[in-house]
Amino acid sequence: VTGIDRSEAMLDRARARAASSSSSSNADFRLADMVDAGSVSGGPFGLVIMALGALSHLATQALQLSALQAARKALDPRGLLLIDVFHASPSRLQTLDGGVGMDGAWTLPDGTEVERYSTHSVHPASQTIQTRIWYETIDSSRSVRRASTQMTQRYVSPGELQLMLDRAGFEEAVLYGGYDLEPFDDLSDRLIVAAEATKTR
């Protein structure tokens, strides 16, 4: 297994997680961008996974297409690409736009309380979602500290994603609506795509 990420901090967390697993000797983590996946050593690979909305973090169609082309280059001719993205239905986009929500709350081992909040702004012309996330930490003296970050994601429709996969050289794609591989429909939360490098005969 070879994992790539542009964030050294995330790679460190992945290495730590893998070190606690019996299969850690089979895991290799590299600092790289997904648009460069085709040049990552260790391949060709039987499976490439773009998990948890990773493709959406590329904010233009050109970059997303480049990532799909890189995945195709990294795959064995009989390989499979799995993509997991948010299903950007009109109703879900409308619900997201302008809203502020509390995403979760945790208590750290030292007793510090952590709360996460986010707000989203949807831009249909560019198919992007601007997201601002902030964390509030409350220590034992009840002092509050805030840290924030922001990101841009580009959502894709099922038809657009299928066309990009075709342009990237994939022969066949199947759509699912969730992690249990249920059929994709209007109410699906996720858009899961399994695309074959070479069409099954």
N, C-alpha and C. Protein backbone atom coordinates (compact mmCIF):
# COMPACT_ATOMS: atom_id res chain seq x y z
N VAL A 1 0.85 -1.18 0.00
CA VAL A 1 0.00 0.00 0.00
C VAL A 1 0.89 1.23 0.00
N THR A 2 0.65 2.14 -0.94
CA THR A 2 1.35 3.41 -0.99
C THR A 2 0.32 4.53 -0.82
N GLY A 3 0.53 5.37 0.17
CA GLY A 3 -0.35 6.50 0.41
C GLY A 3 0.36 7.80 0.12
N ILE A 4 -0.33 8.73 -0.56
CA ILE A 4 0.28 10.03 -0.85
C ILE A 4 -0.61 11.14 -0.29
N ASP A 5 0.05 12.23 0.10
CA ASP A 5 -0.66 13.40 0.60
C ASP A 5 0.28 14.59 0.47
N ARG A 6 -0.29 15.81 0.32
CA ARG A 6 0.55 17.01 0.26
C ARG A 6 0.90 17.53 1.64
N SER A 7 0.30 16.96 2.67
CA SER A 7 0.51 17.44 4.03
C SER A 7 1.42 16.47 4.79
N GLU A 8 2.58 16.97 5.20
CA GLU A 8 3.49 16.14 5.98
C GLU A 8 2.87 15.76 7.32
N ALA A 9 2.07 16.67 7.90
CA ALA A 9 1.41 16.37 9.18
C ALA A 9 0.45 15.20 9.04
N MET A 10 -0.30 15.17 7.94
CA MET A 10 -1.23 14.06 7.73
C MET A 10 -0.48 12.74 7.47
N LEU A 11 0.66 12.84 6.78
CA LEU A 11 1.46 11.64 6.55
C LEU A 11 2.01 11.11 7.88
N ASP A 12 2.42 12.01 8.76
CA ASP A 12 2.91 11.59 10.08
C ASP A 12 1.82 10.86 10.86
N ARG A 13 0.60 11.37 10.76
CA ARG A 13 -0.52 10.70 11.45
C ARG A 13 -0.79 9.32 10.83
N ALA A 14 -0.68 9.24 9.51
CA ALA A 14 -0.89 7.95 8.84
C ALA A 14 0.19 6.95 9.24
N ARG A 15 1.44 7.42 9.32
CA ARG A 15 2.54 6.53 9.72
C ARG A 15 2.34 6.03 11.15
N ALA A 16 1.90 6.93 12.03
CA ALA A 16 1.66 6.53 13.41
C ALA A 16 0.53 5.51 13.50
N ARG A 17 -0.52 5.73 12.72
CA ARG A 17 -1.63 4.78 12.71
C ARG A 17 -1.17 3.42 12.17
N ALA A 18 -0.38 3.46 11.09
CA ALA A 18 0.09 2.21 10.49
C ALA A 18 1.03 1.47 11.43
N ALA A 19 1.82 2.22 12.21
CA ALA A 19 2.78 1.59 13.12
C ALA A 19 2.10 0.76 14.19
N SER A 20 0.84 1.08 14.48
CA SER A 20 0.10 0.33 15.49
C SER A 20 -0.61 -0.88 14.88
N SER A 21 -0.43 -1.08 13.59
CA SER A 21 -1.09 -2.18 12.88
C SER A 21 -0.08 -3.27 12.55
N SER A 22 -0.56 -4.49 12.49
CA SER A 22 0.31 -5.61 12.16
C SER A 22 0.79 -5.57 10.71
N SER A 23 0.11 -4.76 9.87
CA SER A 23 0.47 -4.69 8.45
C SER A 23 1.32 -3.47 8.13
N SER A 24 1.93 -2.84 9.16
CA SER A 24 2.66 -1.59 8.94
C SER A 24 3.82 -1.76 7.96
N SER A 25 4.40 -2.96 7.88
CA SER A 25 5.54 -3.17 6.98
C SER A 25 5.12 -3.11 5.52
N ASN A 26 3.82 -3.20 5.25
CA ASN A 26 3.32 -3.15 3.87
C ASN A 26 2.86 -1.77 3.46
N ALA A 27 3.03 -0.77 4.34
CA ALA A 27 2.54 0.58 4.06
C ALA A 27 3.70 1.54 3.85
N ASP A 28 3.57 2.35 2.80
CA ASP A 28 4.58 3.35 2.46
C ASP A 28 3.86 4.67 2.21
N PHE A 29 4.33 5.74 2.86
CA PHE A 29 3.65 7.03 2.74
C PHE A 29 4.61 8.05 2.14
N ARG A 30 4.12 8.78 1.14
CA ARG A 30 4.97 9.70 0.40
C ARG A 30 4.34 11.09 0.33
N LEU A 31 5.19 12.11 0.37
CA LEU A 31 4.73 13.49 0.17
C LEU A 31 4.59 13.72 -1.32
N ALA A 32 3.35 13.87 -1.79
CA ALA A 32 3.09 14.05 -3.22
C ALA A 32 1.67 14.57 -3.40
N ASP A 33 1.44 15.17 -4.55
CA ASP A 33 0.11 15.66 -4.93
C ASP A 33 -0.58 14.59 -5.76
N MET A 34 -1.90 14.50 -5.65
CA MET A 34 -2.60 13.46 -6.41
C MET A 34 -2.49 13.65 -7.91
N VAL A 35 -2.22 14.87 -8.37
CA VAL A 35 -2.04 15.06 -9.82
C VAL A 35 -0.72 14.47 -10.30
N ASP A 36 0.15 14.08 -9.37
CA ASP A 36 1.43 13.45 -9.71
C ASP A 36 1.43 11.97 -9.38
N ALA A 37 0.27 11.39 -9.14
CA ALA A 37 0.18 9.99 -8.72
C ALA A 37 0.78 9.05 -9.75
N GLY A 38 0.74 9.42 -11.01
CA GLY A 38 1.26 8.56 -12.06
C GLY A 38 2.75 8.35 -12.01
N SER A 39 3.48 9.22 -11.31
CA SER A 39 4.94 9.09 -11.22
C SER A 39 5.40 8.56 -9.88
N VAL A 40 4.47 8.17 -9.01
CA VAL A 40 4.84 7.61 -7.71
C VAL A 40 5.39 6.20 -7.91
N SER A 41 6.55 5.92 -7.32
CA SER A 41 7.16 4.60 -7.50
C SER A 41 6.39 3.55 -6.72
N GLY A 42 6.57 2.30 -7.12
CA GLY A 42 5.90 1.19 -6.47
C GLY A 42 4.82 0.56 -7.32
N GLY A 43 4.43 1.23 -8.39
CA GLY A 43 3.37 0.72 -9.25
C GLY A 43 3.92 -0.19 -10.34
N PRO A 44 3.09 -0.59 -11.28
CA PRO A 44 1.68 -0.19 -11.37
C PRO A 44 0.84 -0.83 -10.26
N PHE A 45 -0.25 -0.16 -9.93
CA PHE A 45 -1.09 -0.57 -8.82
C PHE A 45 -2.37 -1.22 -9.33
N GLY A 46 -2.89 -2.15 -8.55
CA GLY A 46 -4.14 -2.79 -8.90
C GLY A 46 -5.35 -1.96 -8.52
N LEU A 47 -5.16 -1.04 -7.57
CA LEU A 47 -6.27 -0.25 -7.06
C LEU A 47 -5.77 1.14 -6.68
N VAL A 48 -6.49 2.16 -7.12
CA VAL A 48 -6.24 3.54 -6.68
C VAL A 48 -7.53 4.04 -6.03
N ILE A 49 -7.41 4.60 -4.83
CA ILE A 49 -8.57 5.10 -4.10
C ILE A 49 -8.43 6.59 -3.86
N MET A 50 -9.43 7.35 -4.28
CA MET A 50 -9.55 8.77 -3.94
C MET A 50 -10.69 8.86 -2.94
N ALA A 51 -10.35 8.82 -1.66
CA ALA A 51 -11.35 8.65 -0.62
C ALA A 51 -11.81 9.98 -0.03
N LEU A 52 -12.99 9.93 0.60
CA LEU A 52 -13.47 11.02 1.45
C LEU A 52 -13.44 12.39 0.79
N GLY A 53 -13.85 12.44 -0.47
CA GLY A 53 -13.95 13.72 -1.16
C GLY A 53 -12.64 14.30 -1.63
N ALA A 54 -11.57 13.49 -1.69
CA ALA A 54 -10.26 14.02 -2.07
C ALA A 54 -10.29 14.75 -3.41
N LEU A 55 -11.00 14.19 -4.39
CA LEU A 55 -11.04 14.82 -5.71
C LEU A 55 -11.60 16.23 -5.64
N SER A 56 -12.54 16.47 -4.73
CA SER A 56 -13.18 17.78 -4.62
C SER A 56 -12.23 18.86 -4.13
N HIS A 57 -11.11 18.47 -3.52
CA HIS A 57 -10.16 19.46 -3.03
C HIS A 57 -9.31 20.07 -4.15
N LEU A 58 -9.49 19.57 -5.36
CA LEU A 58 -8.88 20.20 -6.53
C LEU A 58 -9.92 21.16 -7.09
N ALA A 59 -9.62 22.44 -7.09
CA ALA A 59 -10.66 23.47 -7.24
C ALA A 59 -11.00 23.84 -8.68
N THR A 60 -10.41 23.17 -9.67
CA THR A 60 -10.77 23.42 -11.07
C THR A 60 -10.99 22.09 -11.78
N GLN A 61 -11.75 22.14 -12.85
CA GLN A 61 -11.98 20.93 -13.64
C GLN A 61 -10.67 20.42 -14.24
N ALA A 62 -9.80 21.32 -14.66
CA ALA A 62 -8.52 20.92 -15.26
C ALA A 62 -7.68 20.12 -14.28
N LEU A 63 -7.63 20.57 -13.02
CA LEU A 63 -6.87 19.84 -12.01
C LEU A 63 -7.50 18.49 -11.70
N GLN A 64 -8.81 18.45 -11.65
CA GLN A 64 -9.49 17.17 -11.40
C GLN A 64 -9.23 16.18 -12.52
N LEU A 65 -9.27 16.66 -13.76
CA LEU A 65 -8.97 15.79 -14.89
C LEU A 65 -7.53 15.30 -14.83
N SER A 66 -6.60 16.18 -14.46
CA SER A 66 -5.20 15.79 -14.33
C SER A 66 -5.03 14.68 -13.30
N ALA A 67 -5.78 14.78 -12.19
CA ALA A 67 -5.69 13.75 -11.16
C ALA A 67 -6.23 12.41 -11.66
N LEU A 68 -7.31 12.45 -12.42
CA LEU A 68 -7.86 11.21 -12.98
C LEU A 68 -6.90 10.60 -13.99
N GLN A 69 -6.26 11.43 -14.80
CA GLN A 69 -5.28 10.94 -15.76
C GLN A 69 -4.07 10.33 -15.04
N ALA A 70 -3.66 10.95 -13.93
CA ALA A 70 -2.54 10.43 -13.14
C ALA A 70 -2.91 9.08 -12.52
N ALA A 71 -4.15 8.96 -12.07
CA ALA A 71 -4.60 7.68 -11.51
C ALA A 71 -4.58 6.59 -12.57
N ARG A 72 -5.02 6.94 -13.77
CA ARG A 72 -5.01 5.96 -14.87
C ARG A 72 -3.59 5.52 -15.19
N LYS A 73 -2.66 6.46 -15.16
CA LYS A 73 -1.25 6.14 -15.44
C LYS A 73 -0.66 5.25 -14.35
N ALA A 74 -1.11 5.42 -13.12
CA ALA A 74 -0.58 4.65 -12.00
C ALA A 74 -1.11 3.22 -11.96
N LEU A 75 -2.23 2.97 -12.65
CA LEU A 75 -2.90 1.68 -12.56
C LEU A 75 -2.34 0.63 -13.51
N ASP A 76 -2.39 -0.58 -13.05
CA ASP A 76 -2.19 -1.74 -13.89
C ASP A 76 -3.30 -1.74 -14.95
N PRO A 77 -3.06 -2.29 -16.16
CA PRO A 77 -4.12 -2.32 -17.18
C PRO A 77 -5.43 -2.96 -16.72
N ARG A 78 -5.36 -3.84 -15.71
CA ARG A 78 -6.58 -4.47 -15.19
C ARG A 78 -7.05 -3.79 -13.91
N GLY A 79 -6.50 -2.62 -13.60
CA GLY A 79 -6.75 -1.98 -12.33
C GLY A 79 -8.09 -1.28 -12.22
N LEU A 80 -8.38 -0.83 -11.00
CA LEU A 80 -9.66 -0.22 -10.68
C LEU A 80 -9.42 1.08 -9.90
N LEU A 81 -10.18 2.11 -10.26
CA LEU A 81 -10.16 3.39 -9.55
C LEU A 81 -11.46 3.52 -8.77
N LEU A 82 -11.35 3.86 -7.48
CA LEU A 82 -12.52 4.11 -6.65
C LEU A 82 -12.51 5.58 -6.23
N ILE A 83 -13.63 6.26 -6.44
CA ILE A 83 -13.77 7.67 -6.10
C ILE A 83 -14.95 7.84 -5.17
N ASP A 84 -14.76 8.64 -4.13
CA ASP A 84 -15.82 8.93 -3.17
C ASP A 84 -15.95 10.44 -3.05
N VAL A 85 -17.07 10.99 -3.51
CA VAL A 85 -17.29 12.43 -3.40
C VAL A 85 -18.70 12.69 -2.86
N PHE A 86 -18.89 13.90 -2.38
CA PHE A 86 -20.18 14.40 -1.91
C PHE A 86 -21.16 14.47 -3.08
N HIS A 87 -22.40 13.98 -2.90
CA HIS A 87 -23.42 14.11 -3.94
C HIS A 87 -24.02 15.50 -3.85
N ALA A 88 -23.67 16.35 -4.80
CA ALA A 88 -24.07 17.76 -4.77
C ALA A 88 -25.43 17.95 -5.42
N SER A 89 -26.46 17.40 -4.81
CA SER A 89 -27.81 17.60 -5.33
C SER A 89 -28.24 19.04 -5.04
N PRO A 90 -29.14 19.60 -5.85
CA PRO A 90 -29.57 21.00 -5.62
C PRO A 90 -30.07 21.25 -4.21
N SER A 91 -30.84 20.31 -3.65
CA SER A 91 -31.39 20.52 -2.31
C SER A 91 -30.29 20.54 -1.25
N ARG A 92 -29.27 19.69 -1.40
CA ARG A 92 -28.19 19.67 -0.43
C ARG A 92 -27.33 20.92 -0.53
N LEU A 93 -27.11 21.40 -1.75
CA LEU A 93 -26.33 22.63 -1.92
C LEU A 93 -27.08 23.82 -1.30
N GLN A 94 -28.38 23.85 -1.48
CA GLN A 94 -29.17 24.94 -0.92
C GLN A 94 -29.13 24.91 0.61
N THR A 95 -29.15 23.71 1.18
CA THR A 95 -29.09 23.58 2.63
C THR A 95 -27.73 24.03 3.17
N LEU A 96 -26.68 23.73 2.42
CA LEU A 96 -25.33 24.12 2.84
C LEU A 96 -25.11 25.62 2.80
N ASP A 97 -25.62 26.27 1.77
CA ASP A 97 -25.26 27.66 1.47
C ASP A 97 -25.64 28.61 2.60
N GLY A 98 -24.64 29.26 3.17
CA GLY A 98 -24.87 30.29 4.17
C GLY A 98 -25.10 29.78 5.58
N GLY A 99 -25.23 28.49 5.74
CA GLY A 99 -25.52 27.97 7.06
C GLY A 99 -24.29 27.86 7.95
N VAL A 100 -24.50 27.95 9.24
CA VAL A 100 -23.45 27.74 10.23
C VAL A 100 -23.87 26.55 11.08
N GLY A 101 -22.97 25.61 11.25
CA GLY A 101 -23.33 24.43 12.01
C GLY A 101 -22.23 24.00 12.96
N MET A 102 -22.63 23.31 14.01
CA MET A 102 -21.67 22.69 14.92
C MET A 102 -21.45 21.27 14.46
N ASP A 103 -20.20 20.95 14.11
CA ASP A 103 -19.89 19.65 13.53
C ASP A 103 -19.59 18.57 14.56
N GLY A 104 -19.24 18.98 15.77
CA GLY A 104 -18.92 17.99 16.79
C GLY A 104 -18.26 18.60 18.00
N ALA A 105 -18.18 17.80 19.06
CA ALA A 105 -17.53 18.24 20.30
C ALA A 105 -16.79 17.05 20.90
N TRP A 106 -15.61 17.31 21.45
CA TRP A 106 -14.77 16.26 22.01
C TRP A 106 -14.15 16.74 23.31
N THR A 107 -13.75 15.80 24.14
CA THR A 107 -12.97 16.10 25.34
C THR A 107 -11.63 15.39 25.22
N LEU A 108 -10.54 16.14 25.28
CA LEU A 108 -9.20 15.58 25.15
C LEU A 108 -8.78 14.92 26.46
N PRO A 109 -7.75 14.07 26.42
CA PRO A 109 -7.30 13.39 27.64
C PRO A 109 -6.97 14.32 28.80
N ASP A 110 -6.53 15.55 28.50
CA ASP A 110 -6.19 16.48 29.58
C ASP A 110 -7.40 17.26 30.09
N GLY A 111 -8.60 16.93 29.57
CA GLY A 111 -9.80 17.59 30.01
C GLY A 111 -10.23 18.78 29.17
N THR A 112 -9.39 19.18 28.21
CA THR A 112 -9.74 20.29 27.34
C THR A 112 -10.93 19.92 26.46
N GLU A 113 -11.89 20.81 26.39
CA GLU A 113 -13.06 20.60 25.54
C GLU A 113 -12.81 21.25 24.17
N VAL A 114 -13.18 20.56 23.12
CA VAL A 114 -12.99 21.05 21.76
C VAL A 114 -14.34 21.02 21.04
N GLU A 115 -14.67 22.13 20.40
CA GLU A 115 -15.89 22.21 19.59
C GLU A 115 -15.52 22.66 18.19
N ARG A 116 -16.12 22.04 17.20
CA ARG A 116 -15.84 22.40 15.80
C ARG A 116 -17.10 22.96 15.15
N TYR A 117 -16.92 24.08 14.43
CA TYR A 117 -18.01 24.74 13.72
C TYR A 117 -17.58 24.98 12.27
N SER A 118 -18.56 25.12 11.38
CA SER A 118 -18.24 25.41 9.99
C SER A 118 -19.36 26.22 9.34
N THR A 119 -18.98 26.96 8.31
CA THR A 119 -19.95 27.67 7.48
C THR A 119 -19.54 27.51 6.03
N HIS A 120 -20.52 27.51 5.13
CA HIS A 120 -20.26 27.22 3.72
C HIS A 120 -20.92 28.27 2.83
N SER A 121 -20.24 28.57 1.73
CA SER A 121 -20.79 29.47 0.72
C SER A 121 -20.69 28.78 -0.63
N VAL A 122 -21.84 28.57 -1.28
CA VAL A 122 -21.90 27.82 -2.53
C VAL A 122 -21.88 28.78 -3.72
N HIS A 123 -21.05 28.46 -4.72
CA HIS A 123 -20.91 29.30 -5.92
C HIS A 123 -21.17 28.43 -7.15
N PRO A 124 -22.42 28.38 -7.63
CA PRO A 124 -22.78 27.49 -8.74
C PRO A 124 -22.01 27.76 -10.03
N ALA A 125 -21.66 29.02 -10.32
CA ALA A 125 -20.98 29.32 -11.58
C ALA A 125 -19.64 28.60 -11.69
N SER A 126 -18.94 28.46 -10.59
CA SER A 126 -17.65 27.77 -10.60
C SER A 126 -17.75 26.37 -10.01
N GLN A 127 -18.96 25.97 -9.58
CA GLN A 127 -19.19 24.69 -8.93
C GLN A 127 -18.28 24.52 -7.71
N THR A 128 -18.14 25.58 -6.95
CA THR A 128 -17.27 25.51 -5.78
C THR A 128 -18.03 25.81 -4.50
N ILE A 129 -17.47 25.29 -3.42
CA ILE A 129 -17.98 25.54 -2.07
C ILE A 129 -16.83 26.10 -1.25
N GLN A 130 -17.00 27.32 -0.76
CA GLN A 130 -16.01 27.92 0.13
C GLN A 130 -16.41 27.55 1.56
N THR A 131 -15.50 26.93 2.28
CA THR A 131 -15.79 26.47 3.63
C THR A 131 -14.83 27.11 4.62
N ARG A 132 -15.37 27.63 5.69
CA ARG A 132 -14.56 28.13 6.81
C ARG A 132 -14.85 27.24 8.01
N ILE A 133 -13.79 26.75 8.64
CA ILE A 133 -13.91 25.86 9.80
C ILE A 133 -13.18 26.50 10.97
N TRP A 134 -13.80 26.46 12.14
CA TRP A 134 -13.07 26.93 13.31
C TRP A 134 -13.30 26.00 14.50
N TYR A 135 -12.26 25.94 15.31
CA TYR A 135 -12.26 25.12 16.51
C TYR A 135 -12.16 26.03 17.73
N GLU A 136 -12.99 25.76 18.71
CA GLU A 136 -12.90 26.47 19.97
C GLU A 136 -12.48 25.47 21.05
N THR A 137 -11.42 25.81 21.78
CA THR A 137 -10.95 24.95 22.87
C THR A 137 -11.20 25.66 24.19
N ILE A 138 -11.67 24.90 25.15
CA ILE A 138 -12.00 25.42 26.47
C ILE A 138 -11.20 24.63 27.50
N ASP A 139 -10.26 25.30 28.18
CA ASP A 139 -9.42 24.58 29.14
C ASP A 139 -10.06 24.54 30.52
N SER A 140 -9.31 24.01 31.48
CA SER A 140 -9.86 23.81 32.82
C SER A 140 -10.23 25.11 33.52
N SER A 141 -9.60 26.21 33.12
CA SER A 141 -9.93 27.51 33.71
C SER A 141 -11.08 28.19 32.97
N ARG A 142 -11.66 27.47 31.99
CA ARG A 142 -12.77 27.96 31.16
C ARG A 142 -12.34 29.06 30.20
N SER A 143 -11.04 29.16 29.94
CA SER A 143 -10.56 30.10 28.93
C SER A 143 -10.81 29.50 27.55
N VAL A 144 -11.23 30.34 26.61
CA VAL A 144 -11.57 29.89 25.26
C VAL A 144 -10.54 30.39 24.26
N ARG A 145 -10.08 29.49 23.41
CA ARG A 145 -9.18 29.86 22.32
C ARG A 145 -9.81 29.39 21.01
N ARG A 146 -9.56 30.14 19.95
CA ARG A 146 -10.14 29.79 18.64
C ARG A 146 -9.04 29.69 17.60
N ALA A 147 -9.14 28.65 16.77
CA ALA A 147 -8.26 28.49 15.61
C ALA A 147 -9.14 28.24 14.40
N SER A 148 -8.79 28.82 13.26
CA SER A 148 -9.65 28.67 12.08
C SER A 148 -8.84 28.37 10.84
N THR A 149 -9.52 27.82 9.87
CA THR A 149 -8.92 27.56 8.57
C THR A 149 -10.03 27.65 7.53
N GLN A 150 -9.66 27.62 6.26
CA GLN A 150 -10.65 27.65 5.19
C GLN A 150 -10.18 26.85 4.00
N MET A 151 -11.11 26.46 3.17
CA MET A 151 -10.76 25.66 1.99
C MET A 151 -11.80 25.87 0.91
N THR A 152 -11.40 25.53 -0.31
CA THR A 152 -12.29 25.57 -1.47
C THR A 152 -12.41 24.15 -2.01
N GLN A 153 -13.63 23.72 -2.26
CA GLN A 153 -13.87 22.43 -2.88
C GLN A 153 -14.70 22.63 -4.15
N ARG A 154 -14.45 21.78 -5.14
CA ARG A 154 -15.23 21.84 -6.38
C ARG A 154 -16.06 20.57 -6.49
N TYR A 155 -17.38 20.73 -6.54
CA TYR A 155 -18.25 19.57 -6.66
C TYR A 155 -18.46 19.22 -8.13
N VAL A 156 -18.78 17.95 -8.36
CA VAL A 156 -18.99 17.46 -9.73
C VAL A 156 -20.34 16.75 -9.80
N SER A 157 -20.95 16.81 -10.97
CA SER A 157 -22.18 16.05 -11.20
C SER A 157 -21.79 14.64 -11.67
N PRO A 158 -22.70 13.68 -11.55
CA PRO A 158 -22.39 12.33 -12.04
C PRO A 158 -22.00 12.31 -13.51
N GLY A 159 -22.74 13.07 -14.34
CA GLY A 159 -22.44 13.07 -15.77
C GLY A 159 -21.08 13.67 -16.07
N GLU A 160 -20.75 14.77 -15.40
CA GLU A 160 -19.44 15.39 -15.63
C GLU A 160 -18.32 14.45 -15.22
N LEU A 161 -18.48 13.79 -14.07
CA LEU A 161 -17.44 12.88 -13.61
C LEU A 161 -17.25 11.72 -14.59
N GLN A 162 -18.34 11.20 -15.12
CA GLN A 162 -18.23 10.12 -16.10
C GLN A 162 -17.52 10.58 -17.37
N LEU A 163 -17.81 11.80 -17.82
CA LEU A 163 -17.13 12.33 -19.00
C LEU A 163 -15.63 12.53 -18.74
N MET A 164 -15.29 13.03 -17.54
CA MET A 164 -13.88 13.21 -17.22
C MET A 164 -13.16 11.87 -17.15
N LEU A 165 -13.82 10.86 -16.62
CA LEU A 165 -13.22 9.52 -16.57
C LEU A 165 -12.99 8.99 -17.98
N ASP A 166 -13.92 9.24 -18.87
CA ASP A 166 -13.75 8.82 -20.26
C ASP A 166 -12.55 9.53 -20.90
N ARG A 167 -12.43 10.83 -20.66
CA ARG A 167 -11.29 11.58 -21.20
C ARG A 167 -9.98 11.13 -20.60
N ALA A 168 -10.02 10.64 -19.36
CA ALA A 168 -8.80 10.20 -18.69
C ALA A 168 -8.38 8.80 -19.12
N GLY A 169 -9.21 8.14 -19.92
CA GLY A 169 -8.83 6.85 -20.46
C GLY A 169 -9.46 5.65 -19.79
N PHE A 170 -10.44 5.87 -18.92
CA PHE A 170 -11.12 4.74 -18.29
C PHE A 170 -12.20 4.20 -19.21
N GLU A 171 -12.40 2.90 -19.16
CA GLU A 171 -13.29 2.24 -20.11
C GLU A 171 -14.71 2.05 -19.60
N GLU A 172 -14.86 1.92 -18.29
CA GLU A 172 -16.17 1.57 -17.76
C GLU A 172 -16.29 2.12 -16.34
N ALA A 173 -17.42 2.71 -16.00
CA ALA A 173 -17.63 3.26 -14.66
C ALA A 173 -19.01 2.85 -14.15
N VAL A 174 -19.07 2.48 -12.88
CA VAL A 174 -20.32 2.12 -12.22
C VAL A 174 -20.52 3.06 -11.04
N LEU A 175 -21.74 3.59 -10.89
CA LEU A 175 -22.05 4.56 -9.84
C LEU A 175 -22.83 3.89 -8.71
N TYR A 176 -22.47 4.27 -7.48
CA TYR A 176 -23.17 3.80 -6.29
C TYR A 176 -23.54 5.00 -5.43
N GLY A 177 -24.51 4.80 -4.54
CA GLY A 177 -24.99 5.91 -3.72
C GLY A 177 -24.50 5.91 -2.30
N GLY A 178 -23.60 4.98 -1.94
CA GLY A 178 -23.10 4.94 -0.58
C GLY A 178 -22.10 3.82 -0.38
N TYR A 179 -21.60 3.70 0.85
CA TYR A 179 -20.53 2.75 1.15
C TYR A 179 -20.99 1.30 1.15
N ASP A 180 -22.29 1.08 1.19
CA ASP A 180 -22.82 -0.28 1.07
C ASP A 180 -23.12 -0.64 -0.38
N LEU A 181 -22.69 0.22 -1.30
CA LEU A 181 -22.85 0.01 -2.74
C LEU A 181 -24.31 -0.06 -3.17
N GLU A 182 -25.13 0.72 -2.48
CA GLU A 182 -26.54 0.80 -2.89
C GLU A 182 -26.65 1.61 -4.18
N PRO A 183 -27.73 1.46 -4.94
CA PRO A 183 -27.87 2.20 -6.20
C PRO A 183 -27.82 3.70 -5.98
N PHE A 184 -27.23 4.41 -6.92
CA PHE A 184 -27.16 5.87 -6.85
C PHE A 184 -28.49 6.45 -7.30
N ASP A 185 -29.04 7.39 -6.50
CA ASP A 185 -30.29 8.03 -6.89
C ASP A 185 -30.33 9.46 -6.36
N ASP A 186 -31.45 10.13 -6.54
CA ASP A 186 -31.57 11.54 -6.17
C ASP A 186 -31.29 11.81 -4.70
N LEU A 187 -31.56 10.86 -3.83
CA LEU A 187 -31.43 11.06 -2.40
C LEU A 187 -30.10 10.56 -1.82
N SER A 188 -29.23 10.06 -2.68
CA SER A 188 -27.94 9.54 -2.20
C SER A 188 -27.11 10.64 -1.57
N ASP A 189 -26.46 10.32 -0.45
CA ASP A 189 -25.57 11.26 0.21
C ASP A 189 -24.21 11.33 -0.48
N ARG A 190 -23.75 10.19 -0.97
CA ARG A 190 -22.43 10.10 -1.58
C ARG A 190 -22.58 9.70 -3.04
N LEU A 191 -21.53 10.01 -3.81
CA LEU A 191 -21.40 9.53 -5.18
C LEU A 191 -20.13 8.69 -5.20
N ILE A 192 -20.31 7.39 -5.23
CA ILE A 192 -19.19 6.45 -5.26
C ILE A 192 -19.07 5.89 -6.67
N VAL A 193 -17.87 5.98 -7.24
CA VAL A 193 -17.66 5.53 -8.60
C VAL A 193 -16.54 4.49 -8.63
N ALA A 194 -16.80 3.38 -9.30
CA ALA A 194 -15.79 2.37 -9.56
C ALA A 194 -15.54 2.37 -11.06
N ALA A 195 -14.32 2.74 -11.45
CA ALA A 195 -13.98 2.87 -12.88
C ALA A 195 -12.85 1.92 -13.23
N GLU A 196 -13.06 1.16 -14.28
CA GLU A 196 -12.08 0.17 -14.71
C GLU A 196 -11.11 0.78 -15.71
N ALA A 197 -9.84 0.43 -15.55
CA ALA A 197 -8.83 0.89 -16.51
C ALA A 197 -9.05 0.27 -17.88
N THR A 198 -9.50 -0.98 -17.90
CA THR A 198 -9.77 -1.68 -19.15
C THR A 198 -11.13 -2.36 -19.02
N LYS A 199 -11.96 -2.20 -20.00
CA LYS A 199 -13.31 -2.75 -19.96
C LYS A 199 -13.26 -4.27 -19.80
N THR A 200 -14.09 -4.79 -18.89
CA THR A 200 -14.19 -6.22 -18.68
C THR A 200 -14.81 -6.88 -19.91
N ARG A 201 -14.16 -7.91 -20.41
CA ARG A 201 -14.68 -8.60 -21.62
C ARG A 201 -15.62 -9.72 -21.22
